[in-house]
Amino acid sequence: MKISFRNFDDSCYEQVCDFLIELSKDDRKHINWNWARWEWMFFHPEFNRDLKNKIGLWYLADELVAIATYDHYFGEAFFATKQGFEEFEKDILEYAIATFSNENGLGIAVNDKDTHILDLLRSHHFVKHDQTENILELALENVSLEGTISEGITIKNIDIKNDLYKLHYMLWQAFDNEGPVPVDEITMSKQKEMLSANHLNPLLHVVAENKDGEYVAYCGLWYSPKTDYVYVEPVCTVPEYRHKRLGQAVVMEALKRSRSLGAEKAYVISDSHFYKSLGFQQHSHYTFYWHNS
């Protein structure tokens, strides 16, 4: 079996999406790194694009069969192979260690039940860390997708062309940033990049708008008709509108819309009571293992 290697460039973007979609069809042990997490990361303002040509891709002829990538910036990584190509995992892991480590080493999140990868990491002197990721799952057919809307609030989806500044102001406040909202050219260019994600469907990015036309809560869902699930990222509410069930309202509206498009499940990286109160249940747990350079 002759495998060839190449570094990532933008022409490979859709291949990576399709690789991750196929990976989640085989099983859900890599659901923490589904195609939508890749897309959300790739277009995120904090993603270090200067490093993207270091992402490693392995091919059998023209078929992408393995990947190693960093997460936003060096220091954390993800790697995986399609079924039948596990014999190359050792080489791919060693590429990740050599390429993506920073001054603190390299962290990789592994499904707690994936004993094969756990053994591989331990054989390369990775040690267990207290950092974790938790995945919750919601079967959309089993829940009521009706949210409660507060008086004076309108639920709508974002307008990509016209909502750049309104969404940016809301996100700045909702994630508890301090100081004036930055609106310089570089910052706004990065925010615009986020809204240009290849598969972003505005219908599934739902906001709560107050009577002054300000956005006060937001839920983003990422969906591909090639899958049966949506990925939830992000959900947030500005401080003065919290505890008014607006988070529930935007999430439920977005999930209702995703179901109408064909989604059957939703996944979120969280262990929050908020999601469990909406019907999300435990799916899988991931622990970081760390390799110190």
Protein backbone atom coordinates (compact mmCIF):
# COMPACT_ATOMS: atom_id res chain seq x y z
CA MET A 1 0.00 0.00 0.00
CA LYS A 2 1.76 3.15 -1.22
CA ILE A 3 0.79 6.22 0.77
CA SER A 4 1.87 9.71 -0.29
CA PHE A 5 2.15 12.80 1.91
CA ARG A 6 1.39 16.43 1.20
CA ASN A 7 0.97 19.56 3.25
CA PHE A 8 -2.38 21.28 3.37
CA ASP A 9 -3.33 24.15 1.09
CA ASP A 10 -6.73 25.74 0.55
CA SER A 11 -7.48 23.48 -2.41
CA CYS A 12 -7.66 20.56 0.07
CA TYR A 13 -10.27 22.16 2.32
CA GLU A 14 -13.32 20.26 1.04
CA GLN A 15 -11.38 16.98 1.04
CA VAL A 16 -10.72 17.44 4.74
CA CYS A 17 -14.42 18.13 5.35
CA ASP A 18 -15.39 14.97 3.49
CA PHE A 19 -12.72 12.94 5.31
CA LEU A 20 -14.10 14.02 8.69
CA ILE A 21 -17.68 13.37 7.55
CA GLU A 22 -16.75 9.83 6.55
CA LEU A 23 -14.86 9.37 9.79
CA SER A 24 -17.98 10.12 11.83
CA LYS A 25 -20.02 7.72 9.69
CA ASP A 26 -17.73 4.81 10.55
CA ASP A 27 -18.16 5.42 14.27
CA ARG A 28 -18.56 8.34 16.64
CA LYS A 29 -15.34 8.00 18.64
CA HIS A 30 -13.97 11.09 16.83
CA ILE A 31 -17.20 13.09 17.06
CA ASN A 32 -15.33 15.73 19.07
CA TRP A 33 -13.45 16.43 15.81
CA ASN A 34 -16.27 16.37 13.30
CA TRP A 35 -16.22 18.29 10.02
CA ALA A 36 -18.09 21.23 11.58
CA ARG A 37 -15.54 21.71 14.34
CA TRP A 38 -12.91 21.85 11.60
CA GLU A 39 -14.87 24.48 9.67
CA TRP A 40 -15.64 26.55 12.78
CA MET A 41 -11.96 26.46 13.72
CA PHE A 42 -10.67 27.17 10.22
CA PHE A 43 -12.66 30.39 9.89
CA HIS A 44 -12.38 31.45 13.52
CA PRO A 45 -10.63 34.80 14.19
CA GLU A 46 -8.16 33.07 16.55
CA PHE A 47 -7.10 30.38 14.06
CA ASN A 48 -3.46 30.92 13.16
CA ARG A 49 -3.60 30.78 9.37
CA ASP A 50 0.13 31.33 9.09
CA LEU A 51 0.63 27.72 10.20
CA LYS A 52 -1.97 25.97 8.04
CA ASN A 53 0.55 24.69 5.50
CA LYS A 54 1.92 22.51 8.32
CA ILE A 55 -1.27 20.45 8.45
CA GLY A 56 -0.37 16.97 7.21
CA LEU A 57 -2.43 14.93 4.73
CA TRP A 58 -1.83 11.34 3.65
CA TYR A 59 -3.27 9.94 0.41
CA LEU A 60 -3.81 6.60 -1.25
CA ALA A 61 -3.83 7.69 -4.88
CA ASP A 62 -6.32 10.59 -4.80
CA GLU A 63 -8.13 9.45 -1.63
CA LEU A 64 -7.41 11.30 1.61
CA VAL A 65 -6.95 8.56 4.21
CA ALA A 66 -5.31 10.31 7.18
CA ILE A 67 -4.82 13.76 8.67
CA ALA A 68 -2.84 15.49 11.39
CA THR A 69 -3.78 19.05 12.30
CA TYR A 70 -3.24 21.56 15.08
CA ASP A 71 -6.13 23.15 16.97
CA HIS A 72 -6.16 26.93 16.37
CA TYR A 73 -2.41 27.12 17.07
CA PHE A 74 0.45 24.82 17.96
CA GLY A 75 0.33 23.01 21.31
CA GLU A 76 -2.79 20.90 20.71
CA ALA A 77 -3.44 18.52 17.84
CA PHE A 78 -5.77 15.97 16.32
CA PHE A 79 -4.91 13.01 14.11
CA ALA A 80 -6.94 10.18 12.59
CA THR A 81 -6.97 7.61 9.82
CA LYS A 82 -9.76 5.99 7.90
CA GLN A 83 -10.54 2.40 8.78
CA GLY A 84 -7.99 0.06 7.27
CA PHE A 85 -5.10 2.50 7.52
CA GLU A 86 -4.28 2.12 11.22
CA GLU A 87 -0.78 0.83 10.42
CA PHE A 88 0.21 4.43 9.59
CA GLU A 89 -0.92 5.92 12.89
CA LYS A 90 2.53 5.71 14.47
CA ASP A 91 4.11 7.76 11.68
CA ILE A 92 1.26 10.27 11.74
CA LEU A 93 1.50 10.71 15.50
CA GLU A 94 5.26 11.25 15.23
CA TYR A 95 4.63 13.89 12.56
CA ALA A 96 2.19 15.64 14.90
CA ILE A 97 4.68 15.61 17.78
CA ALA A 98 7.50 16.94 15.62
CA THR A 99 5.37 19.58 13.89
CA PHE A 100 2.73 20.84 16.32
CA SER A 101 4.48 20.87 19.69
CA ASN A 102 5.14 24.23 21.33
CA GLU A 103 7.25 25.21 24.33
CA ASN A 104 4.86 23.24 26.60
CA GLY A 105 4.77 20.13 24.44
CA LEU A 106 1.69 18.70 22.72
CA GLY A 107 -1.77 17.82 23.99
CA ILE A 108 -4.13 15.39 22.24
CA ALA A 109 -7.70 14.63 23.36
CA VAL A 110 -8.61 10.94 23.19
CA ASN A 111 -11.91 9.17 23.64
CA ASP A 112 -11.69 7.40 27.00
CA LYS A 113 -12.88 4.16 25.37
CA ASP A 114 -10.34 4.27 22.52
CA THR A 115 -7.83 1.89 24.09
CA HIS A 116 -5.93 1.51 20.82
CA ILE A 117 -5.01 5.20 20.58
CA LEU A 118 -4.40 5.39 24.32
CA ASP A 119 -1.83 2.61 24.02
CA LEU A 120 -0.21 4.36 21.06
CA LEU A 121 0.10 7.64 22.97
CA ARG A 122 1.52 5.95 26.05
CA SER A 123 4.10 4.18 23.89
CA HIS A 124 5.26 7.66 22.84
CA HIS A 125 5.50 8.87 26.44
CA PHE A 126 2.26 10.83 26.55
CA VAL A 127 0.89 11.22 30.08
CA LYS A 128 -2.65 11.82 31.28
CA HIS A 129 -3.63 15.43 31.92
CA ASP A 130 -6.54 16.86 33.90
CA GLN A 131 -7.85 18.75 30.84
CA THR A 132 -10.92 17.09 29.30
CA GLU A 133 -13.64 17.50 26.68
CA ASN A 134 -17.17 16.20 27.12
CA ILE A 135 -19.65 15.49 24.34
CA LEU A 136 -23.40 15.70 24.82
CA GLU A 137 -25.90 14.38 22.29
CA LEU A 138 -29.54 15.19 21.60
CA ALA A 139 -31.86 13.01 19.53
CA LEU A 140 -34.06 15.63 17.90
CA GLU A 141 -37.09 13.37 17.51
CA ASN A 142 -37.33 12.87 21.26
CA VAL A 143 -37.73 16.48 22.38
CA SER A 144 -40.05 19.41 21.97
CA LEU A 145 -38.25 22.06 19.97
CA GLU A 146 -40.43 24.94 21.05
CA GLY A 147 -38.63 27.71 22.94
CA THR A 148 -40.09 30.43 25.14
CA ILE A 149 -39.76 33.96 23.75
CA SER A 150 -39.59 36.90 26.16
CA GLU A 151 -41.72 39.97 25.58
CA GLY A 152 -40.01 42.52 23.34
CA ILE A 153 -37.69 39.90 21.83
CA THR A 154 -37.68 38.78 18.22
CA ILE A 155 -36.07 35.49 17.16
CA LYS A 156 -34.50 35.61 13.70
CA ASN A 157 -31.52 34.34 11.77
CA ILE A 158 -28.48 36.47 11.03
CA ASP A 159 -28.16 38.51 7.87
CA ILE A 160 -24.57 37.81 6.80
CA LYS A 161 -24.38 40.84 4.52
CA ASN A 162 -25.66 43.41 7.01
CA ASP A 163 -25.09 41.99 10.51
CA LEU A 164 -21.31 42.05 10.85
CA TYR A 165 -21.10 44.87 13.41
CA LYS A 166 -24.25 43.89 15.35
CA LEU A 167 -23.04 40.31 15.75
CA HIS A 168 -19.53 41.44 16.68
CA TYR A 169 -20.84 43.78 19.39
CA MET A 170 -23.01 41.00 20.81
CA LEU A 171 -20.19 38.42 20.85
CA TRP A 172 -17.80 40.86 22.54
CA GLN A 173 -20.25 41.42 25.38
CA ALA A 174 -21.56 37.86 25.59
CA PHE A 175 -18.09 36.40 26.09
CA ASP A 176 -17.43 38.89 28.89
CA ASN A 177 -14.67 40.85 27.21
CA GLU A 178 -13.72 44.06 28.97
CA GLY A 179 -13.22 47.53 27.53
CA PRO A 180 -14.48 49.16 24.34
CA VAL A 181 -15.52 46.88 21.50
CA PRO A 182 -12.66 46.86 18.95
CA VAL A 183 -13.81 47.79 15.46
CA ASP A 184 -10.47 48.30 13.75
CA GLU A 185 -10.00 47.05 10.22
CA ILE A 186 -8.04 43.91 11.18
CA THR A 187 -10.57 42.83 13.81
CA MET A 188 -13.55 43.36 11.53
CA SER A 189 -11.81 41.59 8.68
CA LYS A 190 -11.41 38.53 10.90
CA GLN A 191 -15.06 38.68 11.94
CA LYS A 192 -16.08 38.90 8.30
CA GLU A 193 -13.93 35.84 7.60
CA MET A 194 -15.91 33.89 10.20
CA LEU A 195 -19.16 34.65 8.39
CA SER A 196 -17.63 33.51 5.08
CA ALA A 197 -17.26 29.88 6.18
CA ASN A 198 -17.94 27.58 3.22
CA HIS A 199 -20.94 25.79 4.66
CA LEU A 200 -22.36 28.40 7.02
CA ASN A 201 -26.11 28.37 6.62
CA PRO A 202 -27.58 31.67 7.94
CA LEU A 203 -30.88 29.90 8.62
CA LEU A 204 -29.17 27.94 11.41
CA HIS A 205 -27.45 30.92 13.03
CA VAL A 206 -30.23 32.28 15.18
CA VAL A 207 -30.22 35.47 17.25
CA ALA A 208 -32.52 37.12 19.77
CA GLU A 209 -33.04 40.79 18.97
CA ASN A 210 -34.40 43.33 21.46
CA LYS A 211 -36.79 46.16 20.66
CA ASP A 212 -33.82 48.49 20.01
CA GLY A 213 -32.55 46.22 17.24
CA GLU A 214 -29.63 44.91 19.32
CA TYR A 215 -28.63 41.27 19.31
CA VAL A 216 -28.66 39.87 22.84
CA ALA A 217 -28.36 36.08 22.39
CA TYR A 218 -27.00 33.79 19.69
CA CYS A 219 -26.88 30.13 18.71
CA GLY A 220 -24.82 28.88 15.79
CA LEU A 221 -25.42 25.46 14.26
CA TRP A 222 -23.29 23.79 11.60
CA TYR A 223 -24.92 21.26 9.32
CA SER A 224 -24.06 19.31 6.21
CA PRO A 225 -26.69 17.25 4.35
CA LYS A 226 -23.98 14.58 4.06
CA THR A 227 -24.44 13.89 7.79
CA ASP A 228 -27.31 13.20 10.18
CA TYR A 229 -26.23 15.69 12.85
CA VAL A 230 -25.64 19.33 13.68
CA TYR A 231 -22.78 20.72 15.73
CA VAL A 232 -23.61 23.45 18.24
CA GLU A 233 -21.10 26.33 18.39
CA PRO A 234 -21.39 28.90 19.87
CA VAL A 235 -24.24 29.72 22.26
CA CYS A 236 -24.07 32.94 24.26
CA THR A 237 -26.12 35.73 25.82
CA VAL A 238 -25.09 39.25 26.80
CA PRO A 239 -24.87 39.68 30.60
CA GLU A 240 -27.92 41.88 31.17
CA TYR A 241 -30.21 39.44 29.31
CA ARG A 242 -29.09 36.24 31.05
CA HIS A 243 -31.54 34.11 33.07
CA LYS A 244 -34.41 35.10 30.77
CA ARG A 245 -34.42 31.79 28.83
CA LEU A 246 -33.16 33.47 25.68
CA GLY A 247 -30.39 30.91 25.32
CA GLN A 248 -32.99 28.17 25.32
CA ALA A 249 -35.10 30.09 22.80
CA VAL A 250 -32.34 30.53 20.21
CA VAL A 251 -31.03 26.96 20.63
CA MET A 252 -34.47 25.41 20.26
CA GLU A 253 -35.32 27.54 17.24
CA ALA A 254 -32.04 26.64 15.56
CA LEU A 255 -32.52 22.92 16.32
CA LYS A 256 -36.07 23.04 14.96
CA ARG A 257 -34.77 24.52 11.73
CA SER A 258 -31.98 21.93 11.50
CA ARG A 259 -34.49 19.12 11.89
CA SER A 260 -36.49 20.52 8.99
CA LEU A 261 -33.32 20.21 6.87
CA GLY A 262 -32.81 16.56 7.80
CA ALA A 263 -30.72 16.58 10.97
CA GLU A 264 -31.55 13.81 13.44
CA LYS A 265 -29.05 14.54 16.21
CA ALA A 266 -27.13 17.41 17.74
CA TYR A 267 -23.72 17.35 19.41
CA VAL A 268 -22.08 19.93 21.63
CA ILE A 269 -18.73 19.99 23.45
CA SER A 270 -19.95 20.75 26.93
CA ASP A 271 -20.90 19.31 30.30
CA SER A 272 -23.15 22.24 31.15
CA HIS A 273 -26.43 21.85 33.00
CA PHE A 274 -27.89 24.29 30.45
CA TYR A 275 -27.70 21.72 27.66
CA LYS A 276 -28.79 18.85 29.89
CA SER A 277 -31.89 20.86 30.82
CA LEU A 278 -32.73 20.96 27.10
CA GLY A 279 -32.56 17.18 26.83
CA PHE A 280 -28.93 16.63 25.84
CA GLN A 281 -27.46 13.43 27.28
CA GLN A 282 -23.98 12.10 27.82
CA HIS A 283 -22.38 10.71 24.66
CA SER A 284 -18.63 10.45 25.18
CA HIS A 285 -15.75 11.82 27.23
CA TYR A 286 -12.25 12.77 26.09
CA THR A 287 -9.11 13.17 28.17
CA PHE A 288 -6.05 15.08 27.08
CA TYR A 289 -2.73 13.28 27.06
CA TRP A 290 0.38 15.40 27.03
CA HIS A 291 3.76 14.91 25.43
CA ASN A 292 6.43 17.16 26.93
CA SER A 293 9.14 18.16 24.51
